[in-house]
Amino acid sequence: MKQLIRKRDTITLLDGREGTVLELVTQMPAKVFKVEISADKHVEYLDETKLKLKKQHVLNKWKDLIR
């Protein structure tokens, strides 16, 4: 199953750090997200292959239930 990552979701990077998705920057050729790393509060730009969804934000859960 392909993960659906959206704004405000909590993600885990492959190296174990956690972060929050701030926005989707681009979708072509790969989805690139602007992510704030929780530990040191800096921003990184990462493509979807370098992260996995840890926890969906509450609003995103509601959107999924409505669909």
C-alpha atoms as a PDB file:
ATOM      1  CA  MET A   1       0.000   0.000   0.000  1.00  0.00           C
ATOM      2  CA  LYS A   2       1.347   3.415  -0.984  1.00  0.00           C
ATOM      3  CA  GLN A   3       1.561   5.871   1.879  1.00  0.00           C
ATOM      4  CA  LEU A   4      -0.420   9.095   1.626  1.00  0.00           C
ATOM      5  CA  ILE A   5       1.607  11.871   3.265  1.00  0.00           C
ATOM      6  CA  ARG A   6       0.112  15.331   3.689  1.00  0.00           C
ATOM      7  CA  LYS A   7       0.700  18.618   5.484  1.00  0.00           C
ATOM      8  CA  ARG A   8       1.014  18.377   9.308  1.00  0.00           C
ATOM      9  CA  ASP A   9       1.561  14.595   9.317  1.00  0.00           C
ATOM     10  CA  THR A  10       4.293  13.202  11.578  1.00  0.00           C
ATOM     11  CA  ILE A  11       6.923  11.232   9.671  1.00  0.00           C
ATOM     12  CA  THR A  12       9.993   9.142  10.443  1.00  0.00           C
ATOM     13  CA  LEU A  13      13.149   9.501   8.367  1.00  0.00           C
ATOM     14  CA  LEU A  14      15.172   6.449   7.396  1.00  0.00           C
ATOM     15  CA  ASP A  15      17.862   7.404   9.924  1.00  0.00           C
ATOM     16  CA  GLY A  16      15.309   7.366  12.779  1.00  0.00           C
ATOM     17  CA  ARG A  17      14.709  11.096  13.231  1.00  0.00           C
ATOM     18  CA  GLU A  18      11.141  12.379  13.426  1.00  0.00           C
ATOM     19  CA  GLY A  19       9.648  15.429  11.789  1.00  0.00           C
ATOM     20  CA  THR A  20       6.501  17.208  10.700  1.00  0.00           C
ATOM     21  CA  VAL A  21       5.535  17.836   7.082  1.00  0.00           C
ATOM     22  CA  LEU A  22       5.197  21.565   6.436  1.00  0.00           C
ATOM     23  CA  GLU A  23       4.219  21.415   2.762  1.00  0.00           C
ATOM     24  CA  LEU A  24       4.443  19.504  -0.501  1.00  0.00           C
ATOM     25  CA  VAL A  25       7.008  21.308  -2.648  1.00  0.00           C
ATOM     26  CA  THR A  26       6.786  19.421  -5.949  1.00  0.00           C
ATOM     27  CA  GLN A  27       5.238  16.276  -7.381  1.00  0.00           C
ATOM     28  CA  MET A  28       7.249  15.724 -10.541  1.00  0.00           C
ATOM     29  CA  PRO A  29       9.225  13.526 -11.050  1.00  0.00           C
ATOM     30  CA  ALA A  30       9.000  12.582  -7.341  1.00  0.00           C
ATOM     31  CA  LYS A  31       7.107  14.099  -4.435  1.00  0.00           C
ATOM     32  CA  VAL A  32       9.369  16.399  -2.415  1.00  0.00           C
ATOM     33  CA  PHE A  33       8.281  17.551   1.029  1.00  0.00           C
ATOM     34  CA  LYS A  34       9.441  20.429   3.214  1.00  0.00           C
ATOM     35  CA  VAL A  35       9.960  18.784   6.627  1.00  0.00           C
ATOM     36  CA  GLU A  36      10.735  20.327  10.019  1.00  0.00           C
ATOM     37  CA  ILE A  37      12.950  17.987  12.043  1.00  0.00           C
ATOM     38  CA  SER A  38      11.627  17.737  15.616  1.00  0.00           C
ATOM     39  CA  ALA A  39      14.958  17.351  17.443  1.00  0.00           C
ATOM     40  CA  ASP A  40      16.697  20.532  16.280  1.00  0.00           C
ATOM     41  CA  LYS A  41      13.859  22.463  14.593  1.00  0.00           C
ATOM     42  CA  HIS A  42      15.567  22.891  11.228  1.00  0.00           C
ATOM     43  CA  VAL A  43      13.972  22.398   7.813  1.00  0.00           C
ATOM     44  CA  GLU A  44      14.982  19.818   5.201  1.00  0.00           C
ATOM     45  CA  TYR A  45      13.631  19.040   1.748  1.00  0.00           C
ATOM     46  CA  LEU A  46      13.171  15.284   1.299  1.00  0.00           C
ATOM     47  CA  ASP A  47      11.611  13.084  -1.343  1.00  0.00           C
ATOM     48  CA  GLU A  48       9.050  10.444  -0.413  1.00  0.00           C
ATOM     49  CA  THR A  49      11.557   7.575  -0.632  1.00  0.00           C
ATOM     50  CA  LYS A  50      13.487   8.945   2.364  1.00  0.00           C
ATOM     51  CA  LEU A  51      10.598   9.007   4.839  1.00  0.00           C
ATOM     52  CA  LYS A  52       7.636   7.023   6.060  1.00  0.00           C
ATOM     53  CA  LEU A  53       4.376   8.035   7.670  1.00  0.00           C
ATOM     54  CA  LYS A  54       4.379   7.653  11.444  1.00  0.00           C
ATOM     55  CA  LYS A  55       1.115   9.332  12.417  1.00  0.00           C
ATOM     56  CA  GLN A  56      -1.544  11.137  10.416  1.00  0.00           C
ATOM     57  CA  HIS A  57      -2.698  14.535  11.619  1.00  0.00           C
ATOM     58  CA  VAL A  58      -6.263  14.566  12.995  1.00  0.00           C
ATOM     59  CA  LEU A  59      -7.644  16.690  10.137  1.00  0.00           C
ATOM     60  CA  ASN A  60      -6.150  14.322   7.583  1.00  0.00           C
ATOM     61  CA  LYS A  61      -7.783  11.339   9.329  1.00  0.00           C
ATOM     62  CA  TRP A  62     -11.167  13.057   9.095  1.00  0.00           C
ATOM     63  CA  LYS A  63     -10.645  13.795   5.408  1.00  0.00           C
ATOM     64  CA  ASP A  64      -9.920  10.100   4.810  1.00  0.00           C
ATOM     65  CA  LEU A  65     -13.072   9.066   6.664  1.00  0.00           C
ATOM     66  CA  ILE A  66     -15.270  11.412   4.597  1.00  0.00           C
ATOM     67  CA  ARG A  67     -13.999  10.049   1.269  1.00  0.00           C
END
